[in-house]
Structures are given as C-alpha cells and as structure tokens.
Amino acid sequence: NSNSFGNSKVNLTTTYNTTLYTTPSANVALVKSILVSNDSGSSCNIDVTLTDASSNVFSLFKTKAVASNTTTELLTHPLVVEESEVIKVQASDANELHVIASILEIQPREVVT
C-alpha cells in the first residue's frame, strides 16, 4: 500500500460553492485538519459539505461563523473521505476566507493470489 501527505487549499474569492478536495480513485483520505482563515475586517460564515460518489450531499458545517482576522480549525477529529467523495466550501462573503485542508491519502494494498 502507499500513502501520501498533502494539502488542498482555496481562496474563496466568490460566494460560489467551491471544491476543496476530491478523493482520488482507489484511495481513501484522512482529513486531519480544515483551517479557515478570515483576513478581512468583518465576520464571515462558511458552509462545508461532503458529496458522496452517488451525488448525495451531506452538510458538515452550516453557517459556521469565522470572526474577522482569525483562523478557525473546523475539525476536532480526523474525517474519513472515501473514494470519489468531494468536500466543498462556500463563503457568505467573497474575498474574505482562505481554506486549507491537511490530508493523508491511503491506497489500500491490493491482495494478489
């Protein structure tokens, strides 16, 4: 099996629903951290969703406030994201939030008989 570490980041310059991370095919991902930094002088809200491989959407954080000029860690425990699942983020105001996810991708070992 092989593992890789990395991060995925977006600068939310719009209020559009924006893909933060998609788990690659034949992988499972362990999201260790989702940091949201607000570099503006006003509070801003963020929505975070998980879309599964069947296009079902699940809310992870709804209207989560991020105070002005602060950084907030959204996760208190690691989040498992399965193959082809997508984490999306959406800001209530444009040009205020930056989002960075720290991720461990795990490719399960293939058993050959």
N, C-alpha and C. Protein backbone atom coordinates (compact mmCIF):
# COMPACT_ATOMS: atom_id res chain seq x y z
N ASN A 1 0.84 -1.18 0.00
CA ASN A 1 0.00 0.00 0.00
C ASN A 1 0.89 1.24 0.00
N SER A 2 0.32 2.35 -0.45
CA SER A 2 1.10 3.57 -0.47
C SER A 2 0.28 4.70 0.14
N ASN A 3 0.98 5.56 0.85
CA ASN A 3 0.34 6.71 1.48
C ASN A 3 1.02 7.97 0.98
N SER A 4 0.26 9.05 0.91
CA SER A 4 0.87 10.33 0.57
C SER A 4 0.21 11.42 1.41
N PHE A 5 1.04 12.39 1.80
CA PHE A 5 0.57 13.52 2.58
C PHE A 5 0.47 14.72 1.66
N GLY A 6 -0.44 15.61 1.99
CA GLY A 6 -0.52 16.83 1.20
C GLY A 6 -1.55 17.77 1.78
N ASN A 7 -1.75 18.86 1.06
CA ASN A 7 -2.81 19.76 1.46
C ASN A 7 -3.56 20.22 0.22
N SER A 8 -4.74 20.71 0.46
CA SER A 8 -5.57 21.25 -0.60
C SER A 8 -6.05 22.61 -0.11
N LYS A 9 -5.97 23.62 -0.94
CA LYS A 9 -6.30 24.96 -0.47
C LYS A 9 -7.07 25.75 -1.51
N VAL A 10 -7.95 26.63 -1.01
CA VAL A 10 -8.69 27.52 -1.89
C VAL A 10 -8.80 28.89 -1.23
N ASN A 11 -8.77 29.91 -2.07
CA ASN A 11 -9.04 31.28 -1.67
C ASN A 11 -10.45 31.57 -2.19
N LEU A 12 -11.39 31.76 -1.28
CA LEU A 12 -12.79 31.92 -1.69
C LEU A 12 -13.05 33.36 -2.14
N THR A 13 -12.73 33.62 -3.41
CA THR A 13 -12.87 34.96 -3.97
C THR A 13 -14.31 35.24 -4.39
N THR A 14 -15.15 34.21 -4.37
CA THR A 14 -16.57 34.35 -4.72
C THR A 14 -17.41 33.71 -3.61
N THR A 15 -18.72 33.76 -3.77
CA THR A 15 -19.61 33.07 -2.84
C THR A 15 -20.13 31.78 -3.46
N TYR A 16 -19.48 31.32 -4.52
CA TYR A 16 -19.87 30.07 -5.16
C TYR A 16 -19.44 28.87 -4.33
N ASN A 17 -20.18 27.77 -4.46
CA ASN A 17 -19.80 26.51 -3.84
C ASN A 17 -18.55 26.02 -4.57
N THR A 18 -17.47 25.82 -3.85
CA THR A 18 -16.15 25.58 -4.45
C THR A 18 -15.57 24.27 -3.95
N THR A 19 -15.05 23.45 -4.86
CA THR A 19 -14.43 22.18 -4.48
C THR A 19 -13.11 22.45 -3.76
N LEU A 20 -12.99 21.91 -2.56
CA LEU A 20 -11.74 21.98 -1.80
C LEU A 20 -10.90 20.74 -2.08
N TYR A 21 -11.55 19.56 -2.12
CA TYR A 21 -10.79 18.32 -2.26
C TYR A 21 -11.69 17.22 -2.80
N THR A 22 -11.11 16.39 -3.67
CA THR A 22 -11.77 15.19 -4.18
C THR A 22 -10.85 14.00 -3.94
N THR A 23 -11.36 12.96 -3.31
CA THR A 23 -10.54 11.77 -3.07
C THR A 23 -10.31 11.04 -4.38
N PRO A 24 -9.04 10.77 -4.71
CA PRO A 24 -8.75 10.08 -5.97
C PRO A 24 -9.33 8.67 -6.01
N SER A 25 -9.47 8.18 -7.21
CA SER A 25 -9.91 6.81 -7.43
C SER A 25 -8.97 5.83 -6.72
N ALA A 26 -9.54 4.79 -6.16
CA ALA A 26 -8.79 3.72 -5.48
C ALA A 26 -8.04 4.21 -4.24
N ASN A 27 -8.53 5.28 -3.62
CA ASN A 27 -7.93 5.83 -2.41
C ASN A 27 -9.00 6.09 -1.36
N VAL A 28 -8.56 6.20 -0.14
CA VAL A 28 -9.36 6.72 0.96
C VAL A 28 -8.52 7.84 1.55
N ALA A 29 -9.16 8.91 1.97
CA ALA A 29 -8.41 10.04 2.52
C ALA A 29 -8.78 10.25 3.98
N LEU A 30 -7.79 10.64 4.74
CA LEU A 30 -7.99 11.01 6.13
C LEU A 30 -7.68 12.51 6.22
N VAL A 31 -8.74 13.30 6.39
CA VAL A 31 -8.56 14.76 6.50
C VAL A 31 -8.26 15.05 7.97
N LYS A 32 -7.05 15.51 8.23
CA LYS A 32 -6.59 15.74 9.60
C LYS A 32 -6.99 17.11 10.11
N SER A 33 -7.13 18.07 9.21
CA SER A 33 -7.36 19.45 9.61
C SER A 33 -8.05 20.21 8.49
N ILE A 34 -8.98 21.09 8.85
CA ILE A 34 -9.52 22.07 7.90
C ILE A 34 -9.43 23.43 8.59
N LEU A 35 -8.46 24.22 8.17
CA LEU A 35 -8.27 25.56 8.72
C LEU A 35 -8.97 26.58 7.83
N VAL A 36 -9.69 27.51 8.47
CA VAL A 36 -10.33 28.60 7.75
C VAL A 36 -9.79 29.91 8.32
N SER A 37 -9.17 30.70 7.46
CA SER A 37 -8.61 31.98 7.87
C SER A 37 -9.43 33.11 7.27
N ASN A 38 -9.84 34.05 8.12
CA ASN A 38 -10.59 35.22 7.66
C ASN A 38 -9.64 36.41 7.74
N ASP A 39 -9.23 36.92 6.58
CA ASP A 39 -8.27 38.03 6.56
C ASP A 39 -8.95 39.38 6.35
N SER A 40 -10.25 39.44 6.66
CA SER A 40 -10.99 40.69 6.47
C SER A 40 -11.34 41.30 7.82
N GLY A 41 -11.90 42.48 7.76
CA GLY A 41 -12.28 43.19 8.97
C GLY A 41 -13.69 42.88 9.46
N SER A 42 -14.35 41.92 8.81
CA SER A 42 -15.70 41.57 9.24
C SER A 42 -15.87 40.06 9.32
N SER A 43 -16.83 39.62 10.13
CA SER A 43 -17.10 38.19 10.28
C SER A 43 -17.66 37.64 8.97
N CYS A 44 -17.43 36.36 8.74
CA CYS A 44 -17.91 35.70 7.53
C CYS A 44 -18.32 34.28 7.92
N ASN A 45 -19.33 33.75 7.26
CA ASN A 45 -19.77 32.38 7.51
C ASN A 45 -19.27 31.45 6.41
N ILE A 46 -19.09 30.18 6.81
CA ILE A 46 -18.68 29.16 5.83
C ILE A 46 -19.61 27.96 5.95
N ASP A 47 -19.94 27.39 4.81
CA ASP A 47 -20.64 26.10 4.73
C ASP A 47 -19.65 25.09 4.18
N VAL A 48 -19.66 23.88 4.76
CA VAL A 48 -18.80 22.80 4.27
C VAL A 48 -19.69 21.58 4.05
N THR A 49 -19.60 21.00 2.86
CA THR A 49 -20.41 19.82 2.54
C THR A 49 -19.52 18.69 2.04
N LEU A 50 -20.06 17.48 2.12
CA LEU A 50 -19.43 16.29 1.57
C LEU A 50 -20.41 15.69 0.57
N THR A 51 -19.94 15.52 -0.66
CA THR A 51 -20.76 14.89 -1.70
C THR A 51 -20.22 13.50 -1.93
N ASP A 52 -21.09 12.48 -1.79
CA ASP A 52 -20.61 11.11 -1.97
C ASP A 52 -20.58 10.72 -3.44
N ALA A 53 -20.13 9.51 -3.72
CA ALA A 53 -19.97 9.04 -5.10
C ALA A 53 -21.30 8.96 -5.85
N SER A 54 -22.42 8.95 -5.11
CA SER A 54 -23.75 8.90 -5.74
C SER A 54 -24.38 10.29 -5.83
N SER A 55 -23.58 11.34 -5.60
CA SER A 55 -24.02 12.74 -5.68
C SER A 55 -24.96 13.17 -4.55
N ASN A 56 -25.02 12.40 -3.46
CA ASN A 56 -25.78 12.82 -2.28
C ASN A 56 -24.92 13.84 -1.53
N VAL A 57 -25.55 14.92 -1.07
CA VAL A 57 -24.83 15.99 -0.38
C VAL A 57 -25.15 15.96 1.11
N PHE A 58 -24.10 15.99 1.93
CA PHE A 58 -24.22 15.96 3.38
C PHE A 58 -23.57 17.22 3.95
N SER A 59 -24.28 17.88 4.86
CA SER A 59 -23.75 19.09 5.47
C SER A 59 -22.81 18.73 6.61
N LEU A 60 -21.58 19.25 6.57
CA LEU A 60 -20.62 19.06 7.66
C LEU A 60 -20.64 20.27 8.59
N PHE A 61 -20.68 21.46 8.02
CA PHE A 61 -20.77 22.70 8.78
C PHE A 61 -21.71 23.62 8.03
N LYS A 62 -22.69 24.17 8.74
CA LYS A 62 -23.68 25.05 8.13
C LYS A 62 -23.62 26.41 8.81
N THR A 63 -23.35 27.45 8.03
CA THR A 63 -23.30 28.82 8.53
C THR A 63 -22.37 28.93 9.74
N LYS A 64 -21.19 28.34 9.63
CA LYS A 64 -20.18 28.38 10.69
C LYS A 64 -19.49 29.74 10.65
N ALA A 65 -19.60 30.49 11.74
CA ALA A 65 -19.02 31.84 11.77
C ALA A 65 -17.51 31.78 11.95
N VAL A 66 -16.81 32.61 11.18
CA VAL A 66 -15.36 32.79 11.33
C VAL A 66 -15.16 34.28 11.57
N ALA A 67 -14.71 34.61 12.77
CA ALA A 67 -14.56 36.02 13.15
C ALA A 67 -13.50 36.72 12.31
N SER A 68 -13.59 38.03 12.25
CA SER A 68 -12.64 38.81 11.46
C SER A 68 -11.21 38.62 11.97
N ASN A 69 -10.29 38.55 11.04
CA ASN A 69 -8.85 38.44 11.35
C ASN A 69 -8.51 37.31 12.30
N THR A 70 -9.18 36.15 12.11
CA THR A 70 -8.90 34.96 12.94
C THR A 70 -8.78 33.74 12.05
N THR A 71 -8.24 32.68 12.64
CA THR A 71 -8.18 31.37 11.98
C THR A 71 -8.92 30.38 12.86
N THR A 72 -9.77 29.56 12.24
CA THR A 72 -10.58 28.58 12.96
C THR A 72 -10.27 27.19 12.44
N GLU A 73 -10.05 26.25 13.35
CA GLU A 73 -9.91 24.83 12.99
C GLU A 73 -11.30 24.23 13.05
N LEU A 74 -11.78 23.70 11.93
CA LEU A 74 -13.13 23.15 11.90
C LEU A 74 -13.22 21.75 12.51
N LEU A 75 -12.17 20.95 12.34
CA LEU A 75 -12.25 19.56 12.79
C LEU A 75 -11.73 19.39 14.21
N THR A 76 -12.42 18.56 14.98
CA THR A 76 -11.91 18.16 16.30
C THR A 76 -11.35 16.74 16.25
N HIS A 77 -11.73 15.99 15.21
CA HIS A 77 -11.22 14.63 14.96
C HIS A 77 -11.03 14.47 13.46
N PRO A 78 -10.16 13.56 13.03
CA PRO A 78 -9.97 13.34 11.59
C PRO A 78 -11.27 12.89 10.91
N LEU A 79 -11.40 13.26 9.66
CA LEU A 79 -12.58 12.94 8.85
C LEU A 79 -12.16 11.98 7.74
N VAL A 80 -12.83 10.84 7.65
CA VAL A 80 -12.55 9.87 6.58
C VAL A 80 -13.40 10.25 5.37
N VAL A 81 -12.73 10.36 4.22
CA VAL A 81 -13.41 10.70 2.97
C VAL A 81 -13.10 9.57 1.98
N GLU A 82 -14.15 8.93 1.51
CA GLU A 82 -13.97 7.75 0.67
C GLU A 82 -13.73 8.11 -0.79
N GLU A 83 -13.37 7.09 -1.55
CA GLU A 83 -13.07 7.24 -2.98
C GLU A 83 -14.13 8.05 -3.70
N SER A 84 -13.70 9.04 -4.48
CA SER A 84 -14.54 9.89 -5.33
C SER A 84 -15.46 10.83 -4.56
N GLU A 85 -15.33 10.92 -3.24
CA GLU A 85 -16.13 11.87 -2.48
C GLU A 85 -15.47 13.26 -2.56
N VAL A 86 -16.30 14.29 -2.44
CA VAL A 86 -15.86 15.66 -2.66
C VAL A 86 -16.22 16.54 -1.45
N ILE A 87 -15.24 17.29 -0.97
CA ILE A 87 -15.50 18.29 0.07
C ILE A 87 -15.60 19.64 -0.63
N LYS A 88 -16.71 20.34 -0.39
CA LYS A 88 -16.90 21.67 -0.98
C LYS A 88 -17.09 22.70 0.12
N VAL A 89 -16.66 23.92 -0.16
CA VAL A 89 -16.76 25.02 0.79
C VAL A 89 -17.41 26.22 0.10
N GLN A 90 -18.17 26.99 0.90
CA GLN A 90 -18.85 28.15 0.36
C GLN A 90 -18.86 29.26 1.41
N ALA A 91 -18.41 30.44 1.03
CA ALA A 91 -18.35 31.59 1.93
C ALA A 91 -19.59 32.46 1.76
N SER A 92 -20.01 33.10 2.86
CA SER A 92 -21.16 34.02 2.77
C SER A 92 -20.76 35.34 2.11
N ASP A 93 -19.48 35.67 2.13
CA ASP A 93 -18.97 36.90 1.51
C ASP A 93 -17.72 36.57 0.71
N ALA A 94 -17.54 37.24 -0.41
CA ALA A 94 -16.37 37.00 -1.26
C ALA A 94 -15.13 37.69 -0.69
N ASN A 95 -13.97 37.14 -1.05
CA ASN A 95 -12.67 37.75 -0.75
C ASN A 95 -12.38 37.92 0.74
N GLU A 96 -12.85 36.97 1.56
CA GLU A 96 -12.57 37.04 2.99
C GLU A 96 -11.94 35.77 3.55
N LEU A 97 -12.28 34.61 2.98
CA LEU A 97 -11.85 33.34 3.57
C LEU A 97 -10.83 32.58 2.72
N HIS A 98 -9.86 31.99 3.41
CA HIS A 98 -8.92 31.04 2.82
C HIS A 98 -9.11 29.74 3.57
N VAL A 99 -9.13 28.62 2.85
CA VAL A 99 -9.35 27.31 3.46
C VAL A 99 -8.21 26.38 3.08
N ILE A 100 -7.64 25.71 4.09
CA ILE A 100 -6.56 24.76 3.85
C ILE A 100 -6.89 23.46 4.58
N ALA A 101 -6.89 22.37 3.86
CA ALA A 101 -7.11 21.04 4.44
C ALA A 101 -5.81 20.26 4.39
N SER A 102 -5.47 19.61 5.51
CA SER A 102 -4.30 18.72 5.56
C SER A 102 -4.80 17.29 5.44
N ILE A 103 -4.24 16.56 4.48
CA ILE A 103 -4.83 15.29 4.08
C ILE A 103 -3.78 14.19 3.96
N LEU A 104 -4.15 13.01 4.44
CA LEU A 104 -3.36 11.79 4.23
C LEU A 104 -4.16 10.91 3.29
N GLU A 105 -3.62 10.62 2.13
CA GLU A 105 -4.28 9.71 1.18
C GLU A 105 -3.71 8.32 1.36
N ILE A 106 -4.62 7.35 1.41
CA ILE A 106 -4.24 5.95 1.64
C ILE A 106 -4.73 5.11 0.47
N GLN A 107 -3.80 4.41 -0.16
CA GLN A 107 -4.18 3.50 -1.23
C GLN A 107 -4.09 2.09 -0.65
N PRO A 108 -5.25 1.46 -0.42
CA PRO A 108 -5.24 0.12 0.18
C PRO A 108 -4.40 -0.85 -0.64
N ARG A 109 -3.77 -1.75 0.09
CA ARG A 109 -2.93 -2.75 -0.56
C ARG A 109 -3.81 -3.71 -1.34
N GLU A 110 -3.37 -4.01 -2.54
CA GLU A 110 -4.09 -4.96 -3.38
C GLU A 110 -3.55 -6.35 -3.09
N VAL A 111 -4.44 -7.27 -2.78
CA VAL A 111 -4.03 -8.64 -2.48
C VAL A 111 -4.07 -9.45 -3.77
N VAL A 112 -2.91 -10.01 -4.12
CA VAL A 112 -2.83 -10.81 -5.34
C VAL A 112 -2.68 -12.27 -4.92
N THR A 113 -3.56 -13.12 -5.47
CA THR A 113 -3.48 -14.55 -5.11
C THR A 113 -3.08 -15.40 -6.30
